[in-house]
Amino acid sequence: ASDISQYKVNLIEENIQRLNSINVQAKVQDATIFDVESECKADIVLADVPCSGYGVIGKKPEIKYRSTAQKAAEYVKPRGVLVFSTCTIAKEENEENMMWFMNNHPFKLESIDEFIPEELRSETTGLGYLQMLPGVHGTDGFFIARFRRK
């Protein structure tokens, strides 16, 4: 696990200890700079990518549009998993990025049904992604997609 700030790395480390996780290490790292030593080494990568934040704008009205490219996919082992998430409801940041990603990387979508509550399951979750909407799901707006590296 990594974050650009030591403060957030300390929070990650607290959670690692609280959960008694033995297979997670936290470090300060800028995710925009590729870490060659980590290439193709991770079984699972959770990529909480920068987005507009429109899904949580009700709680954070100061949000301004920002977007940067992420290279999390290169850290995933063959047959490993990449979980992509955003806190937005913008189709171009979610479904369109998901389709672009699959067309340009050796990954395929994989069902998330076994990892989510039954009331969230739908045709799209069986395919591998979920768009959560304020006022519909009792949450802020979030998007999650699960990919398996070929």
N, C-alpha and C. Protein backbone atom coordinates (compact mmCIF):
# COMPACT_ATOMS: atom_id res chain seq x y z
N ALA A 1 0.86 -1.17 0.00
CA ALA A 1 0.00 0.00 0.00
C ALA A 1 0.89 1.22 0.00
N SER A 2 0.46 2.24 -0.71
CA SER A 2 1.28 3.46 -0.75
C SER A 2 0.41 4.69 -0.81
N ASP A 3 1.00 5.78 -0.38
CA ASP A 3 0.38 7.10 -0.50
C ASP A 3 1.52 8.10 -0.58
N ILE A 4 1.22 9.25 -1.12
CA ILE A 4 2.24 10.28 -1.28
C ILE A 4 2.61 10.96 0.04
N SER A 5 1.74 10.86 1.05
CA SER A 5 2.01 11.54 2.33
C SER A 5 2.28 10.55 3.45
N GLN A 6 3.22 10.91 4.31
CA GLN A 6 3.55 10.07 5.47
C GLN A 6 2.35 9.98 6.40
N TYR A 7 1.58 11.05 6.52
CA TYR A 7 0.39 11.05 7.37
C TYR A 7 -0.56 9.92 6.97
N LYS A 8 -0.86 9.81 5.68
CA LYS A 8 -1.78 8.76 5.23
C LYS A 8 -1.15 7.38 5.33
N VAL A 9 0.15 7.28 5.12
CA VAL A 9 0.84 6.00 5.30
C VAL A 9 0.73 5.55 6.76
N ASN A 10 0.84 6.49 7.69
CA ASN A 10 0.67 6.15 9.10
C ASN A 10 -0.73 5.61 9.37
N LEU A 11 -1.75 6.20 8.73
CA LEU A 11 -3.13 5.70 8.88
C LEU A 11 -3.25 4.29 8.30
N ILE A 12 -2.63 4.05 7.16
CA ILE A 12 -2.65 2.72 6.55
C ILE A 12 -2.00 1.72 7.49
N GLU A 13 -0.85 2.09 8.05
CA GLU A 13 -0.15 1.20 8.98
C GLU A 13 -0.99 0.89 10.22
N GLU A 14 -1.72 1.89 10.73
CA GLU A 14 -2.62 1.64 11.86
C GLU A 14 -3.67 0.60 11.50
N ASN A 15 -4.23 0.68 10.31
CA ASN A 15 -5.23 -0.29 9.87
C ASN A 15 -4.62 -1.66 9.64
N ILE A 16 -3.41 -1.72 9.13
CA ILE A 16 -2.72 -3.00 8.95
C ILE A 16 -2.59 -3.69 10.31
N GLN A 17 -2.16 -2.94 11.30
CA GLN A 17 -2.00 -3.51 12.65
C GLN A 17 -3.36 -3.89 13.25
N ARG A 18 -4.34 -3.00 13.11
CA ARG A 18 -5.67 -3.26 13.68
C ARG A 18 -6.29 -4.52 13.10
N LEU A 19 -6.09 -4.73 11.79
CA LEU A 19 -6.67 -5.88 11.11
C LEU A 19 -5.77 -7.12 11.18
N ASN A 20 -4.59 -6.95 11.79
CA ASN A 20 -3.62 -8.04 11.90
C ASN A 20 -3.28 -8.62 10.52
N SER A 21 -3.11 -7.74 9.55
CA SER A 21 -2.77 -8.17 8.20
C SER A 21 -1.28 -8.49 8.13
N ILE A 22 -0.97 -9.66 7.59
CA ILE A 22 0.43 -10.08 7.53
C ILE A 22 1.02 -9.93 6.12
N ASN A 23 0.18 -9.62 5.15
CA ASN A 23 0.68 -9.56 3.78
C ASN A 23 0.53 -8.18 3.16
N VAL A 24 0.54 -7.13 4.00
CA VAL A 24 0.43 -5.76 3.51
C VAL A 24 1.54 -4.93 4.14
N GLN A 25 2.21 -4.15 3.32
CA GLN A 25 3.21 -3.20 3.79
C GLN A 25 2.85 -1.84 3.25
N ALA A 26 3.10 -0.80 4.02
CA ALA A 26 2.79 0.56 3.59
C ALA A 26 4.08 1.34 3.40
N LYS A 27 4.08 2.21 2.38
CA LYS A 27 5.26 3.04 2.15
C LYS A 27 4.84 4.36 1.51
N VAL A 28 5.68 5.36 1.70
CA VAL A 28 5.47 6.65 1.05
C VAL A 28 5.96 6.51 -0.39
N GLN A 29 5.06 6.78 -1.32
CA GLN A 29 5.41 6.68 -2.74
C GLN A 29 4.44 7.51 -3.56
N ASP A 30 4.96 8.19 -4.55
CA ASP A 30 4.16 8.96 -5.49
C ASP A 30 3.69 8.01 -6.58
N ALA A 31 2.39 7.75 -6.66
CA ALA A 31 1.85 6.78 -7.62
C ALA A 31 2.00 7.23 -9.06
N THR A 32 2.32 8.49 -9.29
CA THR A 32 2.52 8.95 -10.67
C THR A 32 3.91 8.59 -11.19
N ILE A 33 4.79 8.11 -10.28
CA ILE A 33 6.13 7.68 -10.67
C ILE A 33 6.16 6.16 -10.61
N PHE A 34 6.41 5.52 -11.75
CA PHE A 34 6.37 4.07 -11.84
C PHE A 34 7.46 3.43 -10.99
N ASP A 35 7.08 2.43 -10.19
CA ASP A 35 8.00 1.69 -9.33
C ASP A 35 8.38 0.39 -10.03
N VAL A 36 9.52 0.38 -10.70
CA VAL A 36 9.97 -0.76 -11.49
C VAL A 36 10.09 -2.03 -10.64
N GLU A 37 10.50 -1.88 -9.39
CA GLU A 37 10.68 -3.03 -8.50
C GLU A 37 9.36 -3.75 -8.20
N SER A 38 8.25 -3.08 -8.37
CA SER A 38 6.93 -3.67 -8.08
C SER A 38 6.23 -4.23 -9.31
N GLU A 39 6.83 -4.09 -10.48
CA GLU A 39 6.19 -4.52 -11.72
C GLU A 39 5.89 -6.02 -11.70
N CYS A 40 4.64 -6.38 -12.01
CA CYS A 40 4.16 -7.78 -12.11
C CYS A 40 4.38 -8.58 -10.83
N LYS A 41 4.29 -7.95 -9.67
CA LYS A 41 4.51 -8.65 -8.41
C LYS A 41 3.27 -8.79 -7.55
N ALA A 42 2.23 -8.01 -7.80
CA ALA A 42 1.07 -8.00 -6.91
C ALA A 42 0.00 -8.98 -7.36
N ASP A 43 -0.54 -9.73 -6.39
CA ASP A 43 -1.69 -10.59 -6.66
C ASP A 43 -2.93 -9.75 -6.90
N ILE A 44 -3.09 -8.70 -6.09
CA ILE A 44 -4.25 -7.81 -6.20
C ILE A 44 -3.77 -6.37 -6.05
N VAL A 45 -4.26 -5.50 -6.92
CA VAL A 45 -3.99 -4.07 -6.82
C VAL A 45 -5.32 -3.35 -6.70
N LEU A 46 -5.45 -2.52 -5.67
CA LEU A 46 -6.63 -1.68 -5.50
C LEU A 46 -6.24 -0.28 -5.95
N ALA A 47 -6.82 0.17 -7.02
CA ALA A 47 -6.49 1.48 -7.58
C ALA A 47 -7.64 2.45 -7.34
N ASP A 48 -7.50 3.27 -6.32
CA ASP A 48 -8.47 4.31 -6.03
C ASP A 48 -7.99 5.54 -6.77
N VAL A 49 -8.42 5.67 -8.01
CA VAL A 49 -7.82 6.64 -8.93
C VAL A 49 -8.41 8.03 -8.79
N PRO A 50 -7.59 9.03 -9.11
CA PRO A 50 -8.11 10.41 -9.08
C PRO A 50 -9.25 10.57 -10.07
N CYS A 51 -10.22 11.36 -9.68
CA CYS A 51 -11.37 11.61 -10.55
C CYS A 51 -11.95 12.97 -10.20
N SER A 52 -13.03 13.31 -10.83
CA SER A 52 -13.66 14.60 -10.56
C SER A 52 -14.22 14.66 -9.15
N GLY A 53 -14.58 13.52 -8.58
CA GLY A 53 -15.18 13.49 -7.25
C GLY A 53 -16.64 13.87 -7.24
N TYR A 54 -17.29 13.88 -8.40
CA TYR A 54 -18.70 14.28 -8.46
C TYR A 54 -19.60 13.41 -7.59
N GLY A 55 -19.18 12.20 -7.30
CA GLY A 55 -20.00 11.33 -6.47
C GLY A 55 -20.08 11.76 -5.02
N VAL A 56 -19.10 12.54 -4.55
CA VAL A 56 -19.10 13.00 -3.16
C VAL A 56 -19.19 14.52 -3.08
N ILE A 57 -19.58 15.16 -4.16
CA ILE A 57 -19.61 16.62 -4.20
C ILE A 57 -20.58 17.21 -3.18
N GLY A 58 -21.60 16.43 -2.81
CA GLY A 58 -22.54 16.91 -1.79
C GLY A 58 -21.86 17.11 -0.45
N LYS A 59 -20.81 16.34 -0.17
CA LYS A 59 -20.07 16.46 1.08
C LYS A 59 -18.82 17.32 0.93
N LYS A 60 -18.36 17.49 -0.31
CA LYS A 60 -17.13 18.24 -0.57
C LYS A 60 -17.34 19.20 -1.73
N PRO A 61 -18.08 20.27 -1.52
CA PRO A 61 -18.40 21.18 -2.63
C PRO A 61 -17.18 21.89 -3.21
N GLU A 62 -16.05 21.83 -2.52
CA GLU A 62 -14.85 22.50 -3.02
C GLU A 62 -14.14 21.71 -4.12
N ILE A 63 -14.65 20.53 -4.43
CA ILE A 63 -14.00 19.68 -5.43
C ILE A 63 -13.94 20.39 -6.78
N LYS A 64 -12.78 20.35 -7.36
CA LYS A 64 -12.59 20.86 -8.71
C LYS A 64 -12.11 19.70 -9.57
N TYR A 65 -12.40 19.76 -10.84
CA TYR A 65 -12.04 18.67 -11.74
C TYR A 65 -10.54 18.46 -11.79
N ARG A 66 -10.13 17.23 -11.63
CA ARG A 66 -8.72 16.87 -11.76
C ARG A 66 -8.66 15.43 -12.24
N SER A 67 -7.69 15.13 -13.03
CA SER A 67 -7.55 13.77 -13.53
C SER A 67 -6.11 13.54 -13.94
N THR A 68 -5.54 12.40 -13.52
CA THR A 68 -4.19 12.03 -13.93
C THR A 68 -4.21 10.56 -14.30
N ALA A 69 -3.30 10.17 -15.18
CA ALA A 69 -3.21 8.78 -15.62
C ALA A 69 -2.55 7.94 -14.52
N GLN A 70 -3.02 6.72 -14.36
CA GLN A 70 -2.45 5.81 -13.37
C GLN A 70 -1.92 4.58 -14.09
N LYS A 71 -0.87 4.01 -13.56
CA LYS A 71 -0.25 2.84 -14.18
C LYS A 71 -0.32 1.63 -13.27
N ALA A 72 -1.35 1.55 -12.46
CA ALA A 72 -1.47 0.47 -11.49
C ALA A 72 -1.48 -0.91 -12.15
N ALA A 73 -1.94 -1.01 -13.37
CA ALA A 73 -2.07 -2.32 -14.03
C ALA A 73 -0.74 -3.03 -14.16
N GLU A 74 0.35 -2.29 -14.30
CA GLU A 74 1.66 -2.93 -14.49
C GLU A 74 2.17 -3.63 -13.24
N TYR A 75 1.56 -3.37 -12.10
CA TYR A 75 1.97 -4.02 -10.86
C TYR A 75 1.29 -5.38 -10.67
N VAL A 76 0.27 -5.67 -11.45
CA VAL A 76 -0.52 -6.90 -11.29
C VAL A 76 0.17 -8.07 -11.98
N LYS A 77 0.29 -9.18 -11.26
CA LYS A 77 0.85 -10.42 -11.81
C LYS A 77 -0.07 -10.97 -12.90
N PRO A 78 0.47 -11.83 -13.77
CA PRO A 78 -0.43 -12.57 -14.67
C PRO A 78 -1.46 -13.34 -13.84
N ARG A 79 -2.73 -13.28 -14.23
CA ARG A 79 -3.87 -13.87 -13.55
C ARG A 79 -4.20 -13.19 -12.22
N GLY A 80 -3.54 -12.06 -11.93
CA GLY A 80 -3.84 -11.27 -10.74
C GLY A 80 -5.04 -10.38 -10.97
N VAL A 81 -5.43 -9.63 -9.95
CA VAL A 81 -6.65 -8.83 -9.98
C VAL A 81 -6.33 -7.35 -9.81
N LEU A 82 -7.04 -6.53 -10.57
CA LEU A 82 -7.01 -5.08 -10.41
C LEU A 82 -8.42 -4.62 -10.08
N VAL A 83 -8.58 -3.93 -8.97
CA VAL A 83 -9.86 -3.34 -8.61
C VAL A 83 -9.72 -1.84 -8.79
N PHE A 84 -10.53 -1.29 -9.68
CA PHE A 84 -10.50 0.12 -10.05
C PHE A 84 -11.69 0.79 -9.38
N SER A 85 -11.45 1.88 -8.68
CA SER A 85 -12.58 2.58 -8.06
C SER A 85 -12.43 4.09 -8.20
N THR A 86 -13.58 4.75 -8.26
CA THR A 86 -13.61 6.21 -8.27
C THR A 86 -14.75 6.66 -7.36
N CYS A 87 -14.72 7.93 -7.01
CA CYS A 87 -15.83 8.50 -6.23
C CYS A 87 -16.58 9.50 -7.12
N THR A 88 -16.93 9.03 -8.30
CA THR A 88 -17.65 9.89 -9.22
C THR A 88 -18.78 9.12 -9.90
N ILE A 89 -19.68 9.84 -10.51
CA ILE A 89 -20.77 9.21 -11.25
C ILE A 89 -20.66 9.52 -12.74
N ALA A 90 -19.57 10.15 -13.15
CA ALA A 90 -19.38 10.56 -14.54
C ALA A 90 -19.06 9.34 -15.42
N LYS A 91 -19.91 9.10 -16.39
CA LYS A 91 -19.76 7.94 -17.28
C LYS A 91 -18.40 7.93 -17.98
N GLU A 92 -17.92 9.11 -18.40
CA GLU A 92 -16.63 9.15 -19.10
C GLU A 92 -15.46 8.79 -18.18
N GLU A 93 -15.62 8.97 -16.88
CA GLU A 93 -14.57 8.61 -15.94
C GLU A 93 -14.68 7.16 -15.48
N ASN A 94 -15.83 6.57 -15.68
CA ASN A 94 -16.08 5.22 -15.20
C ASN A 94 -16.20 4.21 -16.33
N GLU A 95 -17.39 4.06 -16.88
CA GLU A 95 -17.61 3.05 -17.92
C GLU A 95 -16.71 3.27 -19.14
N GLU A 96 -16.55 4.52 -19.57
CA GLU A 96 -15.72 4.77 -20.75
C GLU A 96 -14.25 4.47 -20.48
N ASN A 97 -13.75 4.82 -19.29
CA ASN A 97 -12.38 4.45 -18.92
C ASN A 97 -12.22 2.94 -18.80
N MET A 98 -13.24 2.28 -18.26
CA MET A 98 -13.21 0.83 -18.12
C MET A 98 -13.08 0.17 -19.49
N MET A 99 -13.88 0.61 -20.45
CA MET A 99 -13.82 0.04 -21.80
C MET A 99 -12.48 0.35 -22.47
N TRP A 100 -12.00 1.58 -22.33
CA TRP A 100 -10.70 1.94 -22.89
C TRP A 100 -9.61 1.05 -22.30
N PHE A 101 -9.66 0.85 -20.98
CA PHE A 101 -8.66 0.04 -20.29
C PHE A 101 -8.64 -1.38 -20.86
N MET A 102 -9.81 -1.99 -21.01
CA MET A 102 -9.86 -3.36 -21.53
C MET A 102 -9.39 -3.44 -22.98
N ASN A 103 -9.63 -2.41 -23.75
CA ASN A 103 -9.19 -2.39 -25.15
C ASN A 103 -7.70 -2.15 -25.29
N ASN A 104 -7.04 -1.70 -24.23
CA ASN A 104 -5.63 -1.33 -24.32
C ASN A 104 -4.71 -2.08 -23.36
N HIS A 105 -5.27 -2.99 -22.57
CA HIS A 105 -4.47 -3.75 -21.61
C HIS A 105 -4.95 -5.20 -21.58
N PRO A 106 -4.08 -6.13 -21.19
CA PRO A 106 -4.46 -7.55 -21.18
C PRO A 106 -5.28 -7.94 -19.95
N PHE A 107 -6.44 -7.33 -19.80
CA PHE A 107 -7.32 -7.59 -18.66
C PHE A 107 -8.73 -7.83 -19.16
N LYS A 108 -9.50 -8.58 -18.37
CA LYS A 108 -10.92 -8.79 -18.66
C LYS A 108 -11.70 -8.54 -17.37
N LEU A 109 -12.95 -8.13 -17.51
CA LEU A 109 -13.80 -7.94 -16.35
C LEU A 109 -14.11 -9.28 -15.69
N GLU A 110 -14.33 -9.24 -14.38
CA GLU A 110 -14.66 -10.45 -13.62
C GLU A 110 -15.75 -10.10 -12.61
N SER A 111 -16.71 -10.95 -12.46
CA SER A 111 -17.85 -10.71 -11.57
C SER A 111 -17.41 -10.26 -10.18
N ILE A 112 -18.17 -9.32 -9.61
CA ILE A 112 -17.92 -8.89 -8.24
C ILE A 112 -19.02 -9.38 -7.29
N ASP A 113 -19.93 -10.20 -7.81
CA ASP A 113 -21.08 -10.63 -7.02
C ASP A 113 -20.71 -11.27 -5.69
N GLU A 114 -19.67 -12.08 -5.64
CA GLU A 114 -19.33 -12.77 -4.40
C GLU A 114 -18.73 -11.84 -3.34
N PHE A 115 -18.41 -10.60 -3.73
CA PHE A 115 -17.76 -9.66 -2.82
C PHE A 115 -18.67 -8.54 -2.32
N ILE A 116 -19.91 -8.51 -2.81
CA ILE A 116 -20.81 -7.41 -2.45
C ILE A 116 -22.11 -7.97 -1.88
N PRO A 117 -22.84 -7.15 -1.11
CA PRO A 117 -24.13 -7.61 -0.58
C PRO A 117 -25.12 -7.94 -1.71
N GLU A 118 -25.98 -8.88 -1.45
CA GLU A 118 -26.94 -9.33 -2.46
C GLU A 118 -27.80 -8.20 -3.02
N GLU A 119 -28.16 -7.22 -2.16
CA GLU A 119 -29.02 -6.13 -2.63
C GLU A 119 -28.33 -5.21 -3.64
N LEU A 120 -27.01 -5.29 -3.76
CA LEU A 120 -26.29 -4.49 -4.76
C LEU A 120 -26.06 -5.24 -6.07
N ARG A 121 -26.33 -6.53 -6.08
CA ARG A 121 -26.06 -7.34 -7.27
C ARG A 121 -27.02 -6.99 -8.41
N SER A 122 -26.46 -6.99 -9.61
CA SER A 122 -27.25 -6.66 -10.80
C SER A 122 -26.57 -7.29 -12.01
N GLU A 123 -27.11 -7.01 -13.17
CA GLU A 123 -26.49 -7.51 -14.40
C GLU A 123 -25.06 -6.99 -14.54
N THR A 124 -24.83 -5.73 -14.19
CA THR A 124 -23.48 -5.18 -14.35
C THR A 124 -22.50 -5.75 -13.33
N THR A 125 -22.98 -6.06 -12.12
CA THR A 125 -22.05 -6.63 -11.13
C THR A 125 -21.64 -8.04 -11.54
N GLY A 126 -22.54 -8.75 -12.20
CA GLY A 126 -22.19 -10.06 -12.75
C GLY A 126 -21.14 -9.95 -13.85
N LEU A 127 -21.17 -8.83 -14.56
CA LEU A 127 -20.16 -8.58 -15.60
C LEU A 127 -18.85 -8.11 -15.01
N GLY A 128 -18.91 -7.43 -13.83
CA GLY A 128 -17.67 -7.01 -13.19
C GLY A 128 -17.60 -5.57 -12.73
N TYR A 129 -18.72 -4.84 -12.78
CA TYR A 129 -18.65 -3.45 -12.31
C TYR A 129 -19.97 -3.01 -11.68
N LEU A 130 -19.85 -1.95 -10.87
CA LEU A 130 -21.00 -1.41 -10.14
C LEU A 130 -20.89 0.11 -10.07
N GLN A 131 -21.96 0.78 -10.45
CA GLN A 131 -22.07 2.23 -10.27
C GLN A 131 -23.05 2.47 -9.14
N MET A 132 -22.57 3.02 -8.03
CA MET A 132 -23.45 3.35 -6.90
C MET A 132 -23.84 4.81 -7.01
N LEU A 133 -25.12 5.09 -6.76
CA LEU A 133 -25.65 6.43 -6.95
C LEU A 133 -26.25 6.99 -5.66
N PRO A 134 -26.00 8.28 -5.38
CA PRO A 134 -26.66 8.91 -4.23
C PRO A 134 -28.17 8.85 -4.44
N GLY A 135 -28.90 8.60 -3.39
CA GLY A 135 -30.35 8.54 -3.49
C GLY A 135 -30.89 7.22 -3.96
N VAL A 136 -30.03 6.35 -4.47
CA VAL A 136 -30.45 5.03 -4.93
C VAL A 136 -29.89 3.95 -4.01
N HIS A 137 -28.61 4.06 -3.69
CA HIS A 137 -27.94 3.02 -2.92
C HIS A 137 -27.67 3.41 -1.47
N GLY A 138 -28.10 4.60 -1.05
CA GLY A 138 -27.85 5.02 0.33
C GLY A 138 -26.39 5.34 0.58
N THR A 139 -25.66 5.71 -0.46
CA THR A 139 -24.23 6.04 -0.35
C THR A 139 -23.97 7.28 -1.20
N ASP A 140 -22.73 7.71 -1.18
CA ASP A 140 -22.29 8.70 -2.15
C ASP A 140 -22.16 7.98 -3.49
N GLY A 141 -21.77 8.70 -4.53
CA GLY A 141 -21.56 8.09 -5.84
C GLY A 141 -20.19 7.45 -5.93
N PHE A 142 -20.16 6.16 -6.23
CA PHE A 142 -18.91 5.42 -6.37
C PHE A 142 -19.01 4.47 -7.55
N PHE A 143 -17.87 4.14 -8.11
CA PHE A 143 -17.79 3.17 -9.20
C PHE A 143 -16.69 2.17 -8.85
N ILE A 144 -16.97 0.90 -9.09
CA ILE A 144 -16.01 -0.17 -8.82
C ILE A 144 -16.02 -1.13 -10.00
N ALA A 145 -14.83 -1.50 -10.47
CA ALA A 145 -14.71 -2.52 -11.52
C ALA A 145 -13.60 -3.47 -11.12
N ARG A 146 -13.82 -4.76 -11.37
CA ARG A 146 -12.84 -5.79 -11.04
C ARG A 146 -12.34 -6.42 -12.34
N PHE A 147 -11.02 -6.38 -12.53
CA PHE A 147 -10.40 -6.93 -13.72
C PHE A 147 -9.45 -8.06 -13.33
N ARG A 148 -9.37 -9.07 -14.19
CA ARG A 148 -8.41 -10.16 -14.04
C ARG A 148 -7.39 -10.04 -15.16
N ARG A 149 -6.12 -10.05 -14.83
CA ARG A 149 -5.08 -9.99 -15.87
C ARG A 149 -5.03 -11.33 -16.60
N LYS A 150 -5.00 -11.26 -17.92
CA LYS A 150 -4.96 -12.46 -18.75
C LYS A 150 -3.59 -13.13 -18.66
